[in-house]
């Protein structure tokens, strides 16, 4: 159902936030270069936008049904 999908996407968004935090730690500890961090951080922003769009659409579908 759209309600379950919205919940799944929200959980995925929370997991993405954890990944973003771990990227910051990895950069600060020198495990990844600033260039690697930038490239990966840009990808997480794209994923975040996609997830937010899916959440918004799923919530619209819940209200319309």
C-alpha atoms as a PDB file:
ATOM      1  CA  UNK A   1       0.000   0.000   0.000  1.00  0.00           C
ATOM      2  CA  UNK A   2       1.043   3.628  -0.369  1.00  0.00           C
ATOM      3  CA  UNK A   3       1.091   4.032   3.411  1.00  0.00           C
ATOM      4  CA  UNK A   4       3.592   1.190   3.759  1.00  0.00           C
ATOM      5  CA  UNK A   5       5.696   2.572   0.907  1.00  0.00           C
ATOM      6  CA  UNK A   6       5.771   5.991   2.546  1.00  0.00           C
ATOM      7  CA  UNK A   7       6.907   4.406   5.811  1.00  0.00           C
ATOM      8  CA  UNK A   8       9.601   2.404   3.990  1.00  0.00           C
ATOM      9  CA  UNK A   9      10.868   5.539   2.214  1.00  0.00           C
ATOM     10  CA  UNK A  10      10.966   7.414   5.524  1.00  0.00           C
ATOM     11  CA  UNK A  11      13.061   4.660   7.090  1.00  0.00           C
ATOM     12  CA  UNK A  12      15.373   4.767   4.056  1.00  0.00           C
ATOM     13  CA  UNK A  13      15.720   8.530   4.516  1.00  0.00           C
ATOM     14  CA  UNK A  14      16.752   7.977   8.141  1.00  0.00           C
ATOM     15  CA  UNK A  15      19.332   5.422   7.018  1.00  0.00           C
ATOM     16  CA  UNK A  16      20.636   7.869   4.446  1.00  0.00           C
ATOM     17  CA  UNK A  17      21.121  10.449   7.196  1.00  0.00           C
ATOM     18  CA  UNK A  18      23.197   7.895   9.092  1.00  0.00           C
ATOM     19  CA  UNK A  19      25.331   7.324   5.986  1.00  0.00           C
ATOM     20  CA  UNK A  20      25.837  11.086   5.622  1.00  0.00           C
ATOM     21  CA  UNK A  21      26.995  11.292   9.235  1.00  0.00           C
ATOM     22  CA  UNK A  22      29.410   8.388   8.754  1.00  0.00           C
ATOM     23  CA  UNK A  23      30.829  10.083   5.662  1.00  0.00           C
ATOM     24  CA  UNK A  24      31.566  13.152   7.780  1.00  0.00           C
ATOM     25  CA  UNK A  25      33.328  11.007  10.359  1.00  0.00           C
ATOM     26  CA  UNK A  26      35.308   9.167   7.673  1.00  0.00           C
ATOM     27  CA  UNK A  27      36.414  12.465   6.157  1.00  0.00           C
ATOM     28  CA  UNK A  28      37.326  13.983   9.510  1.00  0.00           C
ATOM     29  CA  UNK A  29      39.380  10.922  10.474  1.00  0.00           C
ATOM     30  CA  UNK A  30      41.133  10.867   7.118  1.00  0.00           C
ATOM     31  CA  UNK A  31      39.659   7.566   5.901  1.00  0.00           C
ATOM     32  CA  UNK A  32      38.468   9.262   2.716  1.00  0.00           C
ATOM     33  CA  UNK A  33      39.817  12.274   0.865  1.00  0.00           C
ATOM     34  CA  UNK A  34      37.906  15.539   0.683  1.00  0.00           C
ATOM     35  CA  UNK A  35      37.332  14.822  -3.011  1.00  0.00           C
ATOM     36  CA  UNK A  36      35.852  11.393  -2.258  1.00  0.00           C
ATOM     37  CA  UNK A  37      33.716  12.944   0.445  1.00  0.00           C
ATOM     38  CA  UNK A  38      32.420  15.593  -1.944  1.00  0.00           C
ATOM     39  CA  UNK A  39      31.587  13.057  -4.630  1.00  0.00           C
ATOM     40  CA  UNK A  40      29.788  10.759  -2.208  1.00  0.00           C
ATOM     41  CA  UNK A  41      28.017  13.600  -0.411  1.00  0.00           C
ATOM     42  CA  UNK A  42      26.657  14.823  -3.751  1.00  0.00           C
ATOM     43  CA  UNK A  43      25.257  11.351  -4.409  1.00  0.00           C
ATOM     44  CA  UNK A  44      23.546  11.268  -1.016  1.00  0.00           C
ATOM     45  CA  UNK A  45      21.911  14.609  -1.796  1.00  0.00           C
ATOM     46  CA  UNK A  46      20.532  13.153  -5.028  1.00  0.00           C
ATOM     47  CA  UNK A  47      19.199  10.110  -3.185  1.00  0.00           C
ATOM     48  CA  UNK A  48      17.657  12.367  -0.541  1.00  0.00           C
ATOM     49  CA  UNK A  49      15.813  14.359  -3.204  1.00  0.00           C
ATOM     50  CA  UNK A  50      14.533  11.160  -4.802  1.00  0.00           C
ATOM     51  CA  UNK A  51      13.336   9.760  -1.479  1.00  0.00           C
ATOM     52  CA  UNK A  52      11.630  13.004  -0.519  1.00  0.00           C
ATOM     53  CA  UNK A  53       9.839  13.014  -3.875  1.00  0.00           C
ATOM     54  CA  UNK A  54       8.699   9.425  -3.369  1.00  0.00           C
ATOM     55  CA  UNK A  55       7.475  10.221   0.151  1.00  0.00           C
ATOM     56  CA  UNK A  56       5.574  13.271  -1.063  1.00  0.00           C
ATOM     57  CA  UNK A  57       3.951  11.346  -3.936  1.00  0.00           C
ATOM     58  CA  UNK A  58       3.032   8.408  -1.672  1.00  0.00           C
ATOM     59  CA  UNK A  59       1.393  10.761   0.845  1.00  0.00           C
ATOM     60  CA  UNK A  60      -0.546  12.409  -1.989  1.00  0.00           C
ATOM     61  CA  UNK A  61      -1.750   8.990  -3.139  1.00  0.00           C
ATOM     62  CA  UNK A  62      -2.820   8.118   0.445  1.00  0.00           C
ATOM     63  CA  UNK A  63      -4.938  11.278   0.694  1.00  0.00           C
ATOM     64  CA  UNK A  64      -6.456  10.776  -2.763  1.00  0.00           C
ATOM     65  CA  UNK A  65      -7.574   7.206  -2.075  1.00  0.00           C
END
